[in-house]
Amino acid sequence: ILKYRLGDKYTFSVPLLTPEAEDLLKRLPEDYEGEVYLVARKIDVLIDAGNSYIIVELKERGRPSGIGQLLDYKRLFIKTYKPQKTIRLAYAVAYMDKDVEELCHDYGIETYII
C-alpha cells in the first residue's frame, strides 16, 4: 500500500491504512499486499493541486456521514503517506441539504454539486 503511486493529477481509490490493514500488512508476506488493499479504506478521488492535495468524497446525496468519512480519510492519509503538502477536503454530490452544506463550511470542506 505504501508503494501506491501518488503524483498523478487525479488518482482514484487511494488506499488508506486502517489499524486492521496495518496489522494484516505486518502478518502477510510482501507479495500479498493486494489482500491488504481489499480491507483498506479508500479515498474516492485524490487531486494533486500543486501545493496541496484535495481529498474528494463522491456521493449521490450529501449527508453528515460523508463529512465524517472525509475527516477520517484526512487523518488516515496523513498517517499512511506523510504528505508534505497541505490537505484540502471536498464533498462532491448530486444533491446537498443546506444544513449539510453549512456543516461542511464549518469544517472547511469545499462543496460541489455535480
PDB file of N, CA and C in Angstrom:
ATOM      1  N   ILE A   1       0.833  -1.196   0.000  1.00  0.00           N
ATOM      2  CA  ILE A   1       0.000   0.000   0.000  1.00  0.00           C
ATOM      3  C   ILE A   1       0.867   1.246   0.000  1.00  0.00           C
ATOM      4  N   LEU A   2       1.927   1.246   0.779  1.00  0.00           N
ATOM      5  CA  LEU A   2       2.772   2.436   0.839  1.00  0.00           C
ATOM      6  C   LEU A   2       3.494   2.686  -0.479  1.00  0.00           C
ATOM      7  N   LYS A   3       3.511   1.676  -1.359  1.00  0.00           N
ATOM      8  CA  LYS A   3       4.120   1.852  -2.672  1.00  0.00           C
ATOM      9  C   LYS A   3       3.134   2.477  -3.654  1.00  0.00           C
ATOM     10  N   TYR A   4       1.896   2.672  -3.217  1.00  0.00           N
ATOM     11  CA  TYR A   4       0.874   3.231  -4.095  1.00  0.00           C
ATOM     12  C   TYR A   4       1.363   4.557  -4.636  1.00  0.00           C
ATOM     13  N   ARG A   5       1.249   4.723  -5.929  1.00  0.00           N
ATOM     14  CA  ARG A   5       1.842   5.890  -6.575  1.00  0.00           C
ATOM     15  C   ARG A   5       0.961   7.120  -6.456  1.00  0.00           C
ATOM     16  N   LEU A   6       1.490   8.128  -5.791  1.00  0.00           N
ATOM     17  CA  LEU A   6       0.861   9.433  -5.782  1.00  0.00           C
ATOM     18  C   LEU A   6       1.617  10.287  -6.775  1.00  0.00           C
ATOM     19  N   GLY A   7       1.028  11.352  -7.227  1.00  0.00           N
ATOM     20  CA  GLY A   7       1.737  12.224  -8.143  1.00  0.00           C
ATOM     21  C   GLY A   7       0.986  12.472  -9.425  1.00  0.00           C
ATOM     22  N   ASP A   8       0.078  11.571  -9.792  1.00  0.00           N
ATOM     23  CA  ASP A   8      -0.773  11.861 -10.934  1.00  0.00           C
ATOM     24  C   ASP A   8      -1.708  12.993 -10.542  1.00  0.00           C
ATOM     25  N   LYS A   9      -2.187  13.742 -11.494  1.00  0.00           N
ATOM     26  CA  LYS A   9      -3.122  14.834 -11.221  1.00  0.00           C
ATOM     27  C   LYS A   9      -4.364  14.300 -10.507  1.00  0.00           C
ATOM     28  N   TYR A  10      -4.924  13.206 -11.024  1.00  0.00           N
ATOM     29  CA  TYR A  10      -6.100  12.573 -10.420  1.00  0.00           C
ATOM     30  C   TYR A  10      -5.776  11.113 -10.141  1.00  0.00           C
ATOM     31  N   THR A  11      -5.994  10.673  -8.912  1.00  0.00           N
ATOM     32  CA  THR A  11      -5.778   9.288  -8.543  1.00  0.00           C
ATOM     33  C   THR A  11      -7.066   8.790  -7.899  1.00  0.00           C
ATOM     34  N   PHE A  12      -7.525   7.614  -8.309  1.00  0.00           N
ATOM     35  CA  PHE A  12      -8.797   7.074  -7.832  1.00  0.00           C
ATOM     36  C   PHE A  12      -8.568   5.885  -6.911  1.00  0.00           C
ATOM     37  N   SER A  13      -9.474   5.712  -5.944  1.00  0.00           N
ATOM     38  CA  SER A  13      -9.434   4.592  -4.990  1.00  0.00           C
ATOM     39  C   SER A  13      -8.092   4.481  -4.282  1.00  0.00           C
ATOM     40  N   VAL A  14      -7.660   5.574  -3.682  1.00  0.00           N
ATOM     41  CA  VAL A  14      -6.375   5.617  -2.975  1.00  0.00           C
ATOM     42  C   VAL A  14      -6.531   4.903  -1.632  1.00  0.00           C
ATOM     43  N   PRO A  15      -5.775   3.813  -1.415  1.00  0.00           N
ATOM     44  CA  PRO A  15      -5.925   3.050  -0.178  1.00  0.00           C
ATOM     45  C   PRO A  15      -5.318   3.768   1.025  1.00  0.00           C
ATOM     46  N   LEU A  16      -5.964   3.586   2.170  1.00  0.00           N
ATOM     47  CA  LEU A  16      -5.510   4.168   3.435  1.00  0.00           C
ATOM     48  C   LEU A  16      -5.349   3.043   4.453  1.00  0.00           C
ATOM     49  N   LEU A  17      -4.285   3.114   5.217  1.00  0.00           N
ATOM     50  CA  LEU A  17      -4.044   2.073   6.205  1.00  0.00           C
ATOM     51  C   LEU A  17      -4.868   2.310   7.466  1.00  0.00           C
ATOM     52  N   THR A  18      -5.788   1.420   7.728  1.00  0.00           N
ATOM     53  CA  THR A  18      -6.512   1.393   8.991  1.00  0.00           C
ATOM     54  C   THR A  18      -5.692   0.526   9.947  1.00  0.00           C
ATOM     55  N   PRO A  19      -5.980   0.556  11.246  1.00  0.00           N
ATOM     56  CA  PRO A  19      -5.262  -0.347  12.154  1.00  0.00           C
ATOM     57  C   PRO A  19      -5.387  -1.814  11.729  1.00  0.00           C
ATOM     58  N   GLU A  20      -6.555  -2.209  11.228  1.00  0.00           N
ATOM     59  CA  GLU A  20      -6.741  -3.592  10.775  1.00  0.00           C
ATOM     60  C   GLU A  20      -5.868  -3.906   9.567  1.00  0.00           C
ATOM     61  N   ALA A  21      -5.823  -2.969   8.617  1.00  0.00           N
ATOM     62  CA  ALA A  21      -4.999  -3.169   7.418  1.00  0.00           C
ATOM     63  C   ALA A  21      -3.516  -3.192   7.786  1.00  0.00           C
ATOM     64  N   GLU A  22      -3.112  -2.332   8.721  1.00  0.00           N
ATOM     65  CA  GLU A  22      -1.717  -2.316   9.173  1.00  0.00           C
ATOM     66  C   GLU A  22      -1.333  -3.652   9.792  1.00  0.00           C
ATOM     67  N   ASP A  23      -2.215  -4.188  10.630  1.00  0.00           N
ATOM     68  CA  ASP A  23      -1.955  -5.472  11.274  1.00  0.00           C
ATOM     69  C   ASP A  23      -1.820  -6.575  10.223  1.00  0.00           C
ATOM     70  N   LEU A  24      -2.709  -6.574   9.253  1.00  0.00           N
ATOM     71  CA  LEU A  24      -2.660  -7.569   8.183  1.00  0.00           C
ATOM     72  C   LEU A  24      -1.378  -7.429   7.370  1.00  0.00           C
ATOM     73  N   LEU A  25      -0.968  -6.211   7.101  1.00  0.00           N
ATOM     74  CA  LEU A  25       0.251  -5.949   6.337  1.00  0.00           C
ATOM     75  C   LEU A  25       1.481  -6.511   7.050  1.00  0.00           C
ATOM     76  N   LYS A  26       1.487  -6.420   8.371  1.00  0.00           N
ATOM     77  CA  LYS A  26       2.623  -6.934   9.159  1.00  0.00           C
ATOM     78  C   LYS A  26       2.672  -8.456   9.127  1.00  0.00           C
ATOM     79  N   ARG A  27       1.509  -9.100   9.033  1.00  0.00           N
ATOM     80  CA  ARG A  27       1.452 -10.558   9.118  1.00  0.00           C
ATOM     81  C   ARG A  27       1.629 -11.259   7.780  1.00  0.00           C
ATOM     82  N   LEU A  28       1.381 -10.558   6.681  1.00  0.00           N
ATOM     83  CA  LEU A  28       1.442 -11.198   5.369  1.00  0.00           C
ATOM     84  C   LEU A  28       2.752 -10.885   4.660  1.00  0.00           C
ATOM     85  N   PRO A  29       3.218 -11.812   3.824  1.00  0.00           N
ATOM     86  CA  PRO A  29       4.402 -11.517   3.005  1.00  0.00           C
ATOM     87  C   PRO A  29       4.105 -10.355   2.050  1.00  0.00           C
ATOM     88  N   GLU A  30       5.162  -9.723   1.573  1.00  0.00           N
ATOM     89  CA  GLU A  30       5.026  -8.530   0.727  1.00  0.00           C
ATOM     90  C   GLU A  30       4.184  -8.787  -0.529  1.00  0.00           C
ATOM     91  N   ASP A  31       4.289  -9.975  -1.086  1.00  0.00           N
ATOM     92  CA  ASP A  31       3.545 -10.257  -2.319  1.00  0.00           C
ATOM     93  C   ASP A  31       2.043 -10.444  -2.071  1.00  0.00           C
ATOM     94  N   TYR A  32       1.595 -10.334  -0.834  1.00  0.00           N
ATOM     95  CA  TYR A  32       0.173 -10.406  -0.512  1.00  0.00           C
ATOM     96  C   TYR A  32      -0.424  -9.021  -0.255  1.00  0.00           C
ATOM     97  N   GLU A  33       0.261  -7.989  -0.682  1.00  0.00           N
ATOM     98  CA  GLU A  33      -0.204  -6.629  -0.434  1.00  0.00           C
ATOM     99  C   GLU A  33      -1.597  -6.377  -1.013  1.00  0.00           C
ATOM    100  N   GLY A  34      -1.959  -7.096  -2.052  1.00  0.00           N
ATOM    101  CA  GLY A  34      -3.288  -6.962  -2.638  1.00  0.00           C
ATOM    102  C   GLY A  34      -4.387  -7.313  -1.647  1.00  0.00           C
ATOM    103  N   GLU A  35      -4.116  -8.245  -0.757  1.00  0.00           N
ATOM    104  CA  GLU A  35      -5.081  -8.612   0.278  1.00  0.00           C
ATOM    105  C   GLU A  35      -5.343  -7.425   1.198  1.00  0.00           C
ATOM    106  N   VAL A  36      -4.302  -6.679   1.505  1.00  0.00           N
ATOM    107  CA  VAL A  36      -4.434  -5.510   2.368  1.00  0.00           C
ATOM    108  C   VAL A  36      -5.268  -4.440   1.671  1.00  0.00           C
ATOM    109  N   TYR A  37      -5.087  -4.293   0.365  1.00  0.00           N
ATOM    110  CA  TYR A  37      -5.857  -3.312  -0.403  1.00  0.00           C
ATOM    111  C   TYR A  37      -7.357  -3.572  -0.250  1.00  0.00           C
ATOM    112  N   LEU A  38      -7.735  -4.834  -0.175  1.00  0.00           N
ATOM    113  CA  LEU A  38      -9.148  -5.181  -0.069  1.00  0.00           C
ATOM    114  C   LEU A  38      -9.778  -4.698   1.240  1.00  0.00           C
ATOM    115  N   VAL A  39      -9.006  -4.651   2.327  1.00  0.00           N
ATOM    116  CA  VAL A  39      -9.558  -4.235   3.623  1.00  0.00           C
ATOM    117  C   VAL A  39      -9.266  -2.777   3.960  1.00  0.00           C
ATOM    118  N   ALA A  40      -8.458  -2.118   3.155  1.00  0.00           N
ATOM    119  CA  ALA A  40      -8.123  -0.712   3.413  1.00  0.00           C
ATOM    120  C   ALA A  40      -9.311   0.182   3.064  1.00  0.00           C
ATOM    121  N   ARG A  41      -9.414   1.324   3.746  1.00  0.00           N
ATOM    122  CA  ARG A  41     -10.384   2.334   3.318  1.00  0.00           C
ATOM    123  C   ARG A  41      -9.794   3.021   2.094  1.00  0.00           C
ATOM    124  N   LYS A  42     -10.663   3.583   1.259  1.00  0.00           N
ATOM    125  CA  LYS A  42     -10.163   4.182   0.018  1.00  0.00           C
ATOM    126  C   LYS A  42     -10.766   5.557  -0.225  1.00  0.00           C
ATOM    127  N   ILE A  43      -9.899   6.489  -0.580  1.00  0.00           N
ATOM    128  CA  ILE A  43     -10.324   7.829  -1.000  1.00  0.00           C
ATOM    129  C   ILE A  43     -10.914   7.688  -2.395  1.00  0.00           C
ATOM    130  N   ASP A  44     -12.082   8.285  -2.635  1.00  0.00           N
ATOM    131  CA  ASP A  44     -12.696   8.196  -3.968  1.00  0.00           C
ATOM    132  C   ASP A  44     -11.791   8.817  -5.027  1.00  0.00           C
ATOM    133  N   VAL A  45     -11.409  10.079  -4.815  1.00  0.00           N
ATOM    134  CA  VAL A  45     -10.537  10.780  -5.757  1.00  0.00           C
ATOM    135  C   VAL A  45      -9.542  11.614  -4.958  1.00  0.00           C
ATOM    136  N   LEU A  46      -8.273  11.520  -5.331  1.00  0.00           N
ATOM    137  CA  LEU A  46      -7.238  12.379  -4.764  1.00  0.00           C
ATOM    138  C   LEU A  46      -6.719  13.263  -5.890  1.00  0.00           C
ATOM    139  N   ILE A  47      -6.793  14.559  -5.691  1.00  0.00           N
ATOM    140  CA  ILE A  47      -6.328  15.513  -6.700  1.00  0.00           C
ATOM    141  C   ILE A  47      -5.034  16.141  -6.219  1.00  0.00           C
ATOM    142  N   ASP A  48      -4.002  16.083  -7.053  1.00  0.00           N
ATOM    143  CA  ASP A  48      -2.764  16.793  -6.774  1.00  0.00           C
ATOM    144  C   ASP A  48      -2.915  18.183  -7.364  1.00  0.00           C
ATOM    145  N   ALA A  49      -3.135  19.161  -6.493  1.00  0.00           N
ATOM    146  CA  ALA A  49      -3.394  20.529  -6.936  1.00  0.00           C
ATOM    147  C   ALA A  49      -2.138  21.403  -6.857  1.00  0.00           C
ATOM    148  N   GLY A  50      -0.981  20.805  -6.997  1.00  0.00           N
ATOM    149  CA  GLY A  50       0.266  21.566  -6.958  1.00  0.00           C
ATOM    150  C   GLY A  50       0.789  21.698  -5.539  1.00  0.00           C
ATOM    151  N   ASN A  51       0.328  22.709  -4.820  1.00  0.00           N
ATOM    152  CA  ASN A  51       0.822  22.918  -3.460  1.00  0.00           C
ATOM    153  C   ASN A  51      -0.054  22.248  -2.403  1.00  0.00           C
ATOM    154  N   SER A  52      -1.070  21.500  -2.833  1.00  0.00           N
ATOM    155  CA  SER A  52      -1.937  20.798  -1.888  1.00  0.00           C
ATOM    156  C   SER A  52      -2.513  19.543  -2.534  1.00  0.00           C
ATOM    157  N   TYR A  53      -2.993  18.664  -1.678  1.00  0.00           N
ATOM    158  CA  TYR A  53      -3.783  17.520  -2.128  1.00  0.00           C
ATOM    159  C   TYR A  53      -5.229  17.810  -1.763  1.00  0.00           C
ATOM    160  N   ILE A  54      -6.149  17.409  -2.635  1.00  0.00           N
ATOM    161  CA  ILE A  54      -7.573  17.534  -2.346  1.00  0.00           C
ATOM    162  C   ILE A  54      -8.154  16.127  -2.274  1.00  0.00           C
ATOM    163  N   ILE A  55      -8.693  15.791  -1.113  1.00  0.00           N
ATOM    164  CA  ILE A  55      -9.363  14.512  -0.920  1.00  0.00           C
ATOM    165  C   ILE A  55     -10.839  14.734  -1.242  1.00  0.00           C
ATOM    166  N   VAL A  56     -11.349  14.002  -2.224  1.00  0.00           N
ATOM    167  CA  VAL A  56     -12.722  14.204  -2.684  1.00  0.00           C
ATOM    168  C   VAL A  56     -13.564  12.972  -2.339  1.00  0.00           C
ATOM    169  N   GLU A  57     -14.692  13.218  -1.700  1.00  0.00           N
ATOM    170  CA  GLU A  57     -15.685  12.174  -1.442  1.00  0.00           C
ATOM    171  C   GLU A  57     -16.843  12.395  -2.402  1.00  0.00           C
ATOM    172  N   LEU A  58     -17.199  11.357  -3.159  1.00  0.00           N
ATOM    173  CA  LEU A  58     -18.295  11.433  -4.126  1.00  0.00           C
ATOM    174  C   LEU A  58     -19.513  10.700  -3.573  1.00  0.00           C
ATOM    175  N   LYS A  59     -20.642  11.360  -3.579  1.00  0.00           N
ATOM    176  CA  LYS A  59     -21.887  10.742  -3.121  1.00  0.00           C
ATOM    177  C   LYS A  59     -23.033  11.257  -3.983  1.00  0.00           C
ATOM    178  N   GLU A  60     -24.107  10.484  -4.048  1.00  0.00           N
ATOM    179  CA  GLU A  60     -25.291  10.968  -4.732  1.00  0.00           C
ATOM    180  C   GLU A  60     -25.925  12.097  -3.914  1.00  0.00           C
ATOM    181  N   ARG A  61     -26.039  11.889  -2.609  1.00  0.00           N
ATOM    182  CA  ARG A  61     -26.633  12.890  -1.729  1.00  0.00           C
ATOM    183  C   ARG A  61     -25.665  13.177  -0.586  1.00  0.00           C
ATOM    184  N   GLY A  62     -25.441  14.459  -0.329  1.00  0.00           N
ATOM    185  CA  GLY A  62     -24.569  14.843   0.767  1.00  0.00           C
ATOM    186  C   GLY A  62     -25.238  14.608   2.111  1.00  0.00           C
ATOM    187  N   ARG A  63     -24.562  13.888   2.972  1.00  0.00           N
ATOM    188  CA  ARG A  63     -25.060  13.603   4.317  1.00  0.00           C
ATOM    189  C   ARG A  63     -23.948  13.875   5.328  1.00  0.00           C
ATOM    190  N   PRO A  64     -24.315  14.090   6.584  1.00  0.00           N
ATOM    191  CA  PRO A  64     -23.286  14.313   7.611  1.00  0.00           C
ATOM    192  C   PRO A  64     -22.273  13.174   7.703  1.00  0.00           C
ATOM    193  N   SER A  65     -22.705  11.944   7.415  1.00  0.00           N
ATOM    194  CA  SER A  65     -21.775  10.811   7.487  1.00  0.00           C
ATOM    195  C   SER A  65     -20.617  10.959   6.500  1.00  0.00           C
ATOM    196  N   GLY A  66     -20.867  11.592   5.357  1.00  0.00           N
ATOM    197  CA  GLY A  66     -19.797  11.834   4.391  1.00  0.00           C
ATOM    198  C   GLY A  66     -18.751  12.793   4.927  1.00  0.00           C
ATOM    199  N   ILE A  67     -19.183  13.728   5.762  1.00  0.00           N
ATOM    200  CA  ILE A  67     -18.241  14.658   6.391  1.00  0.00           C
ATOM    201  C   ILE A  67     -17.329  13.888   7.335  1.00  0.00           C
ATOM    202  N   GLY A  68     -17.916  12.971   8.095  1.00  0.00           N
ATOM    203  CA  GLY A  68     -17.111  12.123   8.974  1.00  0.00           C
ATOM    204  C   GLY A  68     -16.110  11.294   8.202  1.00  0.00           C
ATOM    205  N   GLN A  69     -16.542  10.757   7.057  1.00  0.00           N
ATOM    206  CA  GLN A  69     -15.622   9.995   6.207  1.00  0.00           C
ATOM    207  C   GLN A  69     -14.449  10.862   5.771  1.00  0.00           C
ATOM    208  N   LEU A  70     -14.740  12.074   5.301  1.00  0.00           N
ATOM    209  CA  LEU A  70     -13.668  12.961   4.839  1.00  0.00           C
ATOM    210  C   LEU A  70     -12.669  13.269   5.951  1.00  0.00           C
ATOM    211  N   LEU A  71     -13.165  13.556   7.141  1.00  0.00           N
ATOM    212  CA  LEU A  71     -12.272  13.861   8.259  1.00  0.00           C
ATOM    213  C   LEU A  71     -11.406  12.656   8.606  1.00  0.00           C
ATOM    214  N   ASP A  72     -12.005  11.463   8.580  1.00  0.00           N
ATOM    215  CA  ASP A  72     -11.247  10.241   8.850  1.00  0.00           C
ATOM    216  C   ASP A  72     -10.239   9.972   7.743  1.00  0.00           C
ATOM    217  N   TYR A  73     -10.630  10.182   6.491  1.00  0.00           N
ATOM    218  CA  TYR A  73      -9.706   9.980   5.377  1.00  0.00           C
ATOM    219  C   TYR A  73      -8.500  10.919   5.468  1.00  0.00           C
ATOM    220  N   LYS A  74      -8.730  12.144   5.874  1.00  0.00           N
ATOM    221  CA  LYS A  74      -7.617  13.088   6.027  1.00  0.00           C
ATOM    222  C   LYS A  74      -6.632  12.574   7.067  1.00  0.00           C
ATOM    223  N   ARG A  75      -7.155  12.139   8.204  1.00  0.00           N
ATOM    224  CA  ARG A  75      -6.298  11.606   9.274  1.00  0.00           C
ATOM    225  C   ARG A  75      -5.506  10.397   8.783  1.00  0.00           C
ATOM    226  N   LEU A  76      -6.185   9.468   8.132  1.00  0.00           N
ATOM    227  CA  LEU A  76      -5.517   8.259   7.648  1.00  0.00           C
ATOM    228  C   LEU A  76      -4.556   8.549   6.500  1.00  0.00           C
ATOM    229  N   PHE A  77      -4.887   9.510   5.638  1.00  0.00           N
ATOM    230  CA  PHE A  77      -3.991   9.873   4.531  1.00  0.00           C
ATOM    231  C   PHE A  77      -2.673  10.423   5.079  1.00  0.00           C
ATOM    232  N   ILE A  78      -2.764  11.283   6.071  1.00  0.00           N
ATOM    233  CA  ILE A  78      -1.553  11.837   6.681  1.00  0.00           C
ATOM    234  C   ILE A  78      -0.737  10.724   7.332  1.00  0.00           C
ATOM    235  N   LYS A  79      -1.400   9.825   8.025  1.00  0.00           N
ATOM    236  CA  LYS A  79      -0.710   8.715   8.695  1.00  0.00           C
ATOM    237  C   LYS A  79      -0.080   7.762   7.684  1.00  0.00           C
ATOM    238  N   THR A  80      -0.784   7.464   6.603  1.00  0.00           N
ATOM    239  CA  THR A  80      -0.314   6.491   5.623  1.00  0.00           C
ATOM    240  C   THR A  80       0.785   7.034   4.726  1.00  0.00           C
ATOM    241  N   TYR A  81       0.623   8.259   4.224  1.00  0.00           N
ATOM    242  CA  TYR A  81       1.532   8.772   3.194  1.00  0.00           C
ATOM    243  C   TYR A  81       2.472   9.880   3.661  1.00  0.00           C
ATOM    244  N   LYS A  82       2.198  10.465   4.828  1.00  0.00           N
ATOM    245  CA  LYS A  82       3.037  11.548   5.366  1.00  0.00           C
ATOM    246  C   LYS A  82       3.319  12.630   4.308  1.00  0.00           C
ATOM    247  N   PRO A  83       2.261  13.212   3.749  1.00  0.00           N
ATOM    248  CA  PRO A  83       2.441  14.199   2.672  1.00  0.00           C
ATOM    249  C   PRO A  83       3.102  15.476   3.170  1.00  0.00           C
ATOM    250  N   GLN A  84       3.831  16.123   2.288  1.00  0.00           N
ATOM    251  CA  GLN A  84       4.486  17.387   2.607  1.00  0.00           C
ATOM    252  C   GLN A  84       3.655  18.584   2.167  1.00  0.00           C
ATOM    253  N   LYS A  85       2.492  18.324   1.583  1.00  0.00           N
ATOM    254  CA  LYS A  85       1.607  19.384   1.099  1.00  0.00           C
ATOM    255  C   LYS A  85       0.428  19.526   2.056  1.00  0.00           C
ATOM    256  N   THR A  86      -0.249  20.665   1.968  1.00  0.00           N
ATOM    257  CA  THR A  86      -1.463  20.838   2.755  1.00  0.00           C
ATOM    258  C   THR A  86      -2.560  19.933   2.183  1.00  0.00           C
ATOM    259  N   ILE A  87      -3.518  19.616   3.037  1.00  0.00           N
ATOM    260  CA  ILE A  87      -4.613  18.734   2.645  1.00  0.00           C
ATOM    261  C   ILE A  87      -5.910  19.533   2.667  1.00  0.00           C
ATOM    262  N   ARG A  88      -6.623  19.480   1.564  1.00  0.00           N
ATOM    263  CA  ARG A  88      -7.959  20.093   1.483  1.00  0.00           C
ATOM    264  C   ARG A  88      -8.981  18.984   1.324  1.00  0.00           C
ATOM    265  N   LEU A  89     -10.197  19.253   1.750  1.00  0.00           N
ATOM    266  CA  LEU A  89     -11.269  18.273   1.649  1.00  0.00           C
ATOM    267  C   LEU A  89     -12.376  18.825   0.774  1.00  0.00           C
ATOM    268  N   ALA A  90     -12.974  17.960  -0.047  1.00  0.00           N
ATOM    269  CA  ALA A  90     -14.066  18.371  -0.931  1.00  0.00           C
ATOM    270  C   ALA A  90     -15.135  17.286  -0.949  1.00  0.00           C
ATOM    271  N   TYR A  91     -16.379  17.748  -0.923  1.00  0.00           N
ATOM    272  CA  TYR A  91     -17.549  16.859  -0.945  1.00  0.00           C
ATOM    273  C   TYR A  91     -18.289  17.158  -2.244  1.00  0.00           C
ATOM    274  N   ALA A  92     -18.285  16.215  -3.177  1.00  0.00           N
ATOM    275  CA  ALA A  92     -18.923  16.398  -4.483  1.00  0.00           C
ATOM    276  C   ALA A  92     -20.155  15.494  -4.544  1.00  0.00           C
ATOM    277  N   VAL A  93     -21.321  16.116  -4.696  1.00  0.00           N
ATOM    278  CA  VAL A  93     -22.578  15.380  -4.610  1.00  0.00           C
ATOM    279  C   VAL A  93     -23.553  15.862  -5.676  1.00  0.00           C
ATOM    280  N   ALA A  94     -24.586  15.067  -5.914  1.00  0.00           N
ATOM    281  CA  ALA A  94     -25.647  15.496  -6.818  1.00  0.00           C
ATOM    282  C   ALA A  94     -26.642  16.406  -6.093  1.00  0.00           C
ATOM    283  N   TYR A  95     -26.829  16.158  -4.802  1.00  0.00           N
ATOM    284  CA  TYR A  95     -27.776  16.954  -4.025  1.00  0.00           C
ATOM    285  C   TYR A  95     -27.273  17.078  -2.592  1.00  0.00           C
ATOM    286  N   MET A  96     -27.430  18.286  -2.011  1.00  0.00           N
ATOM    287  CA  MET A  96     -26.990  18.510  -0.645  1.00  0.00           C
ATOM    288  C   MET A  96     -27.965  19.444   0.064  1.00  0.00           C
ATOM    289  N   ASP A  97     -28.437  19.031   1.248  1.00  0.00           N
ATOM    290  CA  ASP A  97     -29.280  19.894   2.069  1.00  0.00           C
ATOM    291  C   ASP A  97     -28.461  21.064   2.598  1.00  0.00           C
ATOM    292  N   LYS A  98     -29.145  22.172   2.865  1.00  0.00           N
ATOM    293  CA  LYS A  98     -28.465  23.379   3.364  1.00  0.00           C
ATOM    294  C   LYS A  98     -27.738  23.125   4.682  1.00  0.00           C
ATOM    295  N   ASP A  99     -28.326  22.318   5.576  1.00  0.00           N
ATOM    296  CA  ASP A  99     -27.671  22.078   6.861  1.00  0.00           C
ATOM    297  C   ASP A  99     -26.351  21.327   6.693  1.00  0.00           C
ATOM    298  N   VAL A 100     -26.294  20.410   5.731  1.00  0.00           N
ATOM    299  CA  VAL A 100     -25.050  19.684   5.461  1.00  0.00           C
ATOM    300  C   VAL A 100     -24.029  20.625   4.837  1.00  0.00           C
ATOM    301  N   GLU A 101     -24.486  21.492   3.953  1.00  0.00           N
ATOM    302  CA  GLU A 101     -23.593  22.477   3.341  1.00  0.00           C
ATOM    303  C   GLU A 101     -22.997  23.402   4.407  1.00  0.00           C
ATOM    304  N   GLU A 102     -23.819  23.824   5.361  1.00  0.00           N
ATOM    305  CA  GLU A 102     -23.330  24.673   6.457  1.00  0.00           C
ATOM    306  C   GLU A 102     -22.318  23.925   7.319  1.00  0.00           C
ATOM    307  N   LEU A 103     -22.579  22.662   7.577  1.00  0.00           N
ATOM    308  CA  LEU A 103     -21.657  21.845   8.360  1.00  0.00           C
ATOM    309  C   LEU A 103     -20.317  21.701   7.632  1.00  0.00           C
ATOM    310  N   CYS A 104     -20.364  21.493   6.338  1.00  0.00           N
ATOM    311  CA  CYS A 104     -19.133  21.439   5.537  1.00  0.00           C
ATOM    312  C   CYS A 104     -18.364  22.743   5.680  1.00  0.00           C
ATOM    313  N   HIS A 105     -19.068  23.849   5.567  1.00  0.00           N
ATOM    314  CA  HIS A 105     -18.442  25.160   5.699  1.00  0.00           C
ATOM    315  C   HIS A 105     -17.768  25.298   7.068  1.00  0.00           C
ATOM    316  N   ASP A 106     -18.452  24.844   8.113  1.00  0.00           N
ATOM    317  CA  ASP A 106     -17.900  24.915   9.470  1.00  0.00           C
ATOM    318  C   ASP A 106     -16.579  24.166   9.594  1.00  0.00           C
ATOM    319  N   TYR A 107     -16.433  23.061   8.849  1.00  0.00           N
ATOM    320  CA  TYR A 107     -15.223  22.237   8.900  1.00  0.00           C
ATOM    321  C   TYR A 107     -14.228  22.565   7.782  1.00  0.00           C
ATOM    322  N   GLY A 108     -14.508  23.589   7.001  1.00  0.00           N
ATOM    323  CA  GLY A 108     -13.590  23.991   5.929  1.00  0.00           C
ATOM    324  C   GLY A 108     -13.591  23.033   4.755  1.00  0.00           C
ATOM    325  N   ILE A 109     -14.694  22.319   4.555  1.00  0.00           N
ATOM    326  CA  ILE A 109     -14.808  21.371   3.459  1.00  0.00           C
ATOM    327  C   ILE A 109     -15.456  22.061   2.263  1.00  0.00           C
ATOM    328  N   GLU A 110     -14.795  21.978   1.129  1.00  0.00           N
ATOM    329  CA  GLU A 110     -15.338  22.550  -0.097  1.00  0.00           C
ATOM    330  C   GLU A 110     -16.510  21.688  -0.558  1.00  0.00           C
ATOM    331  N   THR A 111     -17.539  22.308  -1.122  1.00  0.00           N
ATOM    332  CA  THR A 111     -18.680  21.551  -1.619  1.00  0.00           C
ATOM    333  C   THR A 111     -18.892  21.830  -3.111  1.00  0.00           C
ATOM    334  N   TYR A 112     -19.278  20.766  -3.823  1.00  0.00           N
ATOM    335  CA  TYR A 112     -19.540  20.865  -5.256  1.00  0.00           C
ATOM    336  C   TYR A 112     -20.785  20.072  -5.581  1.00  0.00           C
ATOM    337  N   ILE A 113     -21.718  20.690  -6.306  1.00  0.00           N
ATOM    338  CA  ILE A 113     -22.883  19.994  -6.805  1.00  0.00           C
ATOM    339  C   ILE A 113     -22.555  19.547  -8.237  1.00  0.00           C
ATOM    340  N   ILE A 114     -22.591  18.243  -8.464  1.00  0.00           N
ATOM    341  CA  ILE A 114     -22.192  17.711  -9.776  1.00  0.00           C
ATOM    342  C   ILE A 114     -23.349  16.977 -10.438  1.00  0.00           C
TER     343      ILE A 114
END
